[in-house]
C-alpha cells in the first residue's frame, strides 16, 4: 500500500520540479549546478527513477525559491 503512495509522490515531485524549472527558464544542468547536485540526479528525479534525500529536496527548493513542501504537493 505504501508503494502506491510513494509512486504517486514521485510523480508529483517530478511534475513540480520540471514545471518550476521550466517556469524559471532553467535547464536541468543549470538547476543541478546551482543546487550543487549532479545533473543526472535532476534528470532521474524528473523521470521518477531517483528517490532524492531530504537534503537534495531542500537544495532544489532553495534554488527554485519555494518551500520544500511545495515540491511534494499535488496541484490538482
N, C-alpha and C. Protein backbone atom coordinates (compact mmCIF):
# COMPACT_ATOMS: atom_id res chain seq x y z
N UNK A 1 0.82 -1.19 0.00
CA UNK A 1 0.00 0.00 0.00
C UNK A 1 0.87 1.26 0.00
N UNK A 2 1.94 1.30 0.75
CA UNK A 2 2.83 2.46 0.78
C UNK A 2 3.52 2.67 -0.56
N UNK A 3 3.74 1.60 -1.31
CA UNK A 3 4.43 1.69 -2.60
C UNK A 3 3.62 2.54 -3.58
N UNK A 4 2.32 2.38 -3.56
CA UNK A 4 1.46 3.17 -4.44
C UNK A 4 1.57 4.65 -4.11
N UNK A 5 1.57 4.98 -2.82
CA UNK A 5 1.69 6.37 -2.39
C UNK A 5 3.07 6.93 -2.74
N UNK A 6 4.11 6.12 -2.58
CA UNK A 6 5.46 6.54 -2.95
C UNK A 6 5.52 6.86 -4.44
N UNK A 7 4.98 5.99 -5.25
CA UNK A 7 4.97 6.22 -6.70
C UNK A 7 4.20 7.49 -7.06
N UNK A 8 3.10 7.73 -6.37
CA UNK A 8 2.30 8.93 -6.62
C UNK A 8 3.09 10.18 -6.26
N UNK A 9 3.76 10.16 -5.11
CA UNK A 9 4.55 11.32 -4.67
C UNK A 9 5.74 11.56 -5.59
N UNK A 10 6.35 10.49 -6.09
CA UNK A 10 7.46 10.65 -7.03
C UNK A 10 6.97 11.31 -8.32
N UNK A 11 5.77 10.96 -8.74
CA UNK A 11 5.19 11.56 -9.95
C UNK A 11 4.90 13.04 -9.71
N UNK A 12 4.35 13.37 -8.56
CA UNK A 12 4.06 14.76 -8.21
C UNK A 12 5.36 15.55 -8.15
N UNK A 13 6.36 14.99 -7.49
CA UNK A 13 7.67 15.64 -7.38
C UNK A 13 8.26 15.90 -8.76
N UNK A 14 8.22 14.90 -9.61
CA UNK A 14 8.77 15.03 -10.96
C UNK A 14 8.06 16.14 -11.73
N UNK A 15 6.76 16.14 -11.68
CA UNK A 15 5.97 17.16 -12.38
C UNK A 15 6.27 18.55 -11.86
N UNK A 16 6.31 18.69 -10.54
CA UNK A 16 6.54 20.00 -9.93
C UNK A 16 7.93 20.54 -10.22
N UNK A 17 8.94 19.71 -10.08
CA UNK A 17 10.31 20.17 -10.34
C UNK A 17 10.45 20.61 -11.79
N UNK A 18 9.97 19.80 -12.69
CA UNK A 18 10.10 20.14 -14.12
C UNK A 18 9.34 21.43 -14.44
N UNK A 19 8.12 21.56 -13.95
CA UNK A 19 7.32 22.75 -14.23
C UNK A 19 7.97 24.01 -13.65
N UNK A 20 8.42 23.93 -12.42
CA UNK A 20 9.06 25.09 -11.79
C UNK A 20 10.37 25.44 -12.48
N UNK A 21 11.14 24.43 -12.84
CA UNK A 21 12.41 24.64 -13.54
C UNK A 21 12.17 25.34 -14.87
N UNK A 22 11.21 24.87 -15.62
CA UNK A 22 10.91 25.48 -16.92
C UNK A 22 10.35 26.89 -16.77
N UNK A 23 9.52 27.10 -15.72
CA UNK A 23 8.99 28.43 -15.43
C UNK A 23 10.11 29.44 -15.22
N UNK A 24 11.18 28.98 -14.57
CA UNK A 24 12.32 29.84 -14.29
C UNK A 24 13.31 29.89 -15.45
N UNK A 25 13.03 29.12 -16.49
CA UNK A 25 13.91 29.10 -17.66
C UNK A 25 15.24 28.41 -17.40
N UNK A 26 15.23 27.44 -16.50
CA UNK A 26 16.46 26.72 -16.15
C UNK A 26 16.53 25.37 -16.86
N UNK A 27 17.69 25.07 -17.40
CA UNK A 27 17.96 23.73 -17.91
C UNK A 27 18.24 22.83 -16.70
N UNK A 28 18.12 21.53 -16.89
CA UNK A 28 18.45 20.60 -15.81
C UNK A 28 19.87 20.84 -15.31
N UNK A 29 20.77 21.06 -16.23
CA UNK A 29 22.17 21.26 -15.88
C UNK A 29 22.36 22.50 -15.00
N UNK A 30 21.68 23.59 -15.32
CA UNK A 30 21.80 24.83 -14.55
C UNK A 30 21.21 24.64 -13.16
N UNK A 31 20.03 24.01 -13.07
CA UNK A 31 19.41 23.75 -11.77
C UNK A 31 20.35 22.91 -10.91
N UNK A 32 20.89 21.87 -11.49
CA UNK A 32 21.80 20.98 -10.76
C UNK A 32 23.04 21.73 -10.29
N UNK A 33 23.61 22.52 -11.17
CA UNK A 33 24.82 23.27 -10.83
C UNK A 33 24.56 24.24 -9.67
N UNK A 34 23.48 24.98 -9.76
CA UNK A 34 23.16 25.95 -8.72
C UNK A 34 22.81 25.28 -7.39
N UNK A 35 22.22 24.08 -7.45
CA UNK A 35 21.85 23.36 -6.24
C UNK A 35 23.00 22.52 -5.69
N UNK A 36 24.06 22.36 -6.48
CA UNK A 36 25.19 21.56 -6.03
C UNK A 36 24.94 20.07 -6.06
N UNK A 37 24.15 19.65 -7.06
CA UNK A 37 23.88 18.23 -7.25
C UNK A 37 24.24 17.83 -8.68
N UNK A 38 24.32 16.56 -8.93
CA UNK A 38 24.66 16.07 -10.26
C UNK A 38 23.48 16.26 -11.22
N UNK A 39 23.77 16.65 -12.46
CA UNK A 39 22.71 16.85 -13.44
C UNK A 39 21.91 15.58 -13.68
N UNK A 40 22.59 14.44 -13.64
CA UNK A 40 21.87 13.19 -13.88
C UNK A 40 20.85 12.91 -12.78
N UNK A 41 21.11 13.43 -11.58
CA UNK A 41 20.15 13.25 -10.49
C UNK A 41 18.87 14.02 -10.79
N UNK A 42 19.01 15.25 -11.26
CA UNK A 42 17.81 16.04 -11.61
C UNK A 42 17.03 15.30 -12.70
N UNK A 43 17.72 14.79 -13.69
CA UNK A 43 17.07 14.03 -14.75
C UNK A 43 16.35 12.80 -14.20
N UNK A 44 17.01 12.08 -13.31
CA UNK A 44 16.40 10.87 -12.72
C UNK A 44 15.19 11.21 -11.87
N UNK A 45 15.25 12.33 -11.15
CA UNK A 45 14.09 12.75 -10.35
C UNK A 45 12.92 13.07 -11.27
N UNK A 46 13.19 13.81 -12.34
CA UNK A 46 12.13 14.18 -13.28
C UNK A 46 11.56 12.97 -14.03
N UNK A 47 12.35 11.91 -14.14
CA UNK A 47 11.87 10.69 -14.80
C UNK A 47 11.36 9.66 -13.79
N UNK A 48 11.28 10.06 -12.53
CA UNK A 48 10.76 9.23 -11.45
C UNK A 48 11.61 7.99 -11.18
N UNK A 49 12.88 8.08 -11.48
CA UNK A 49 13.79 6.96 -11.25
C UNK A 49 14.45 7.09 -9.88
N UNK A 50 14.86 8.32 -9.52
CA UNK A 50 15.56 8.55 -8.27
C UNK A 50 14.59 8.88 -7.14
N UNK A 51 14.99 8.53 -5.95
CA UNK A 51 14.26 8.84 -4.74
C UNK A 51 15.16 9.76 -3.92
N UNK A 52 15.05 11.08 -4.12
CA UNK A 52 16.00 12.01 -3.51
C UNK A 52 15.87 12.11 -1.99
N UNK A 53 16.99 12.42 -1.36
CA UNK A 53 17.01 12.62 0.09
C UNK A 53 16.38 13.97 0.43
N UNK A 54 16.11 14.17 1.69
CA UNK A 54 15.60 15.45 2.15
C UNK A 54 16.60 16.56 1.85
N UNK A 55 17.88 16.28 2.00
CA UNK A 55 18.92 17.27 1.70
C UNK A 55 18.83 17.75 0.25
N UNK A 56 18.65 16.81 -0.68
CA UNK A 56 18.54 17.16 -2.09
C UNK A 56 17.27 17.97 -2.34
N UNK A 57 16.16 17.57 -1.73
CA UNK A 57 14.91 18.30 -1.91
C UNK A 57 15.04 19.74 -1.41
N UNK A 58 15.71 19.92 -0.29
CA UNK A 58 15.91 21.27 0.25
C UNK A 58 16.77 22.10 -0.70
N UNK A 59 17.85 21.51 -1.20
CA UNK A 59 18.72 22.23 -2.13
C UNK A 59 17.95 22.68 -3.37
N UNK A 60 17.16 21.79 -3.93
CA UNK A 60 16.38 22.13 -5.12
C UNK A 60 15.33 23.19 -4.82
N UNK A 61 14.66 23.05 -3.68
CA UNK A 61 13.63 24.02 -3.30
C UNK A 61 14.21 25.41 -3.12
N UNK A 62 15.39 25.50 -2.55
CA UNK A 62 16.03 26.81 -2.35
C UNK A 62 16.29 27.48 -3.70
N UNK A 63 16.82 26.72 -4.65
CA UNK A 63 17.10 27.29 -5.97
C UNK A 63 15.81 27.64 -6.70
N UNK A 64 14.79 26.83 -6.52
CA UNK A 64 13.50 27.09 -7.17
C UNK A 64 12.67 28.14 -6.41
N UNK A 65 13.19 28.58 -5.26
CA UNK A 65 12.57 29.65 -4.46
C UNK A 65 11.16 29.31 -4.00
N UNK A 66 11.03 28.08 -3.49
CA UNK A 66 9.74 27.62 -3.00
C UNK A 66 9.96 26.79 -1.72
N UNK A 67 8.93 26.64 -0.90
CA UNK A 67 9.06 25.75 0.26
C UNK A 67 9.19 24.29 -0.22
N UNK A 68 9.96 23.52 0.49
CA UNK A 68 10.16 22.12 0.09
C UNK A 68 8.83 21.37 0.02
N UNK A 69 7.88 21.74 0.86
CA UNK A 69 6.58 21.06 0.84
C UNK A 69 5.86 21.24 -0.50
N UNK A 70 6.12 22.35 -1.17
CA UNK A 70 5.50 22.60 -2.48
C UNK A 70 5.93 21.54 -3.50
N UNK A 71 7.16 21.06 -3.36
CA UNK A 71 7.64 20.03 -4.29
C UNK A 71 6.83 18.76 -4.23
N UNK A 72 6.26 18.48 -3.04
CA UNK A 72 5.53 17.23 -2.84
C UNK A 72 4.02 17.39 -2.86
N UNK A 73 3.57 18.61 -3.13
CA UNK A 73 2.13 18.89 -3.08
C UNK A 73 1.52 18.79 -4.47
N UNK A 74 0.49 17.97 -4.58
CA UNK A 74 -0.24 17.81 -5.83
C UNK A 74 -1.08 19.06 -6.07
N UNK A 75 -0.96 19.63 -7.25
CA UNK A 75 -1.65 20.89 -7.56
C UNK A 75 -3.08 20.67 -8.05
N UNK A 76 -3.51 19.43 -8.12
CA UNK A 76 -4.87 19.14 -8.59
C UNK A 76 -5.89 19.51 -7.56
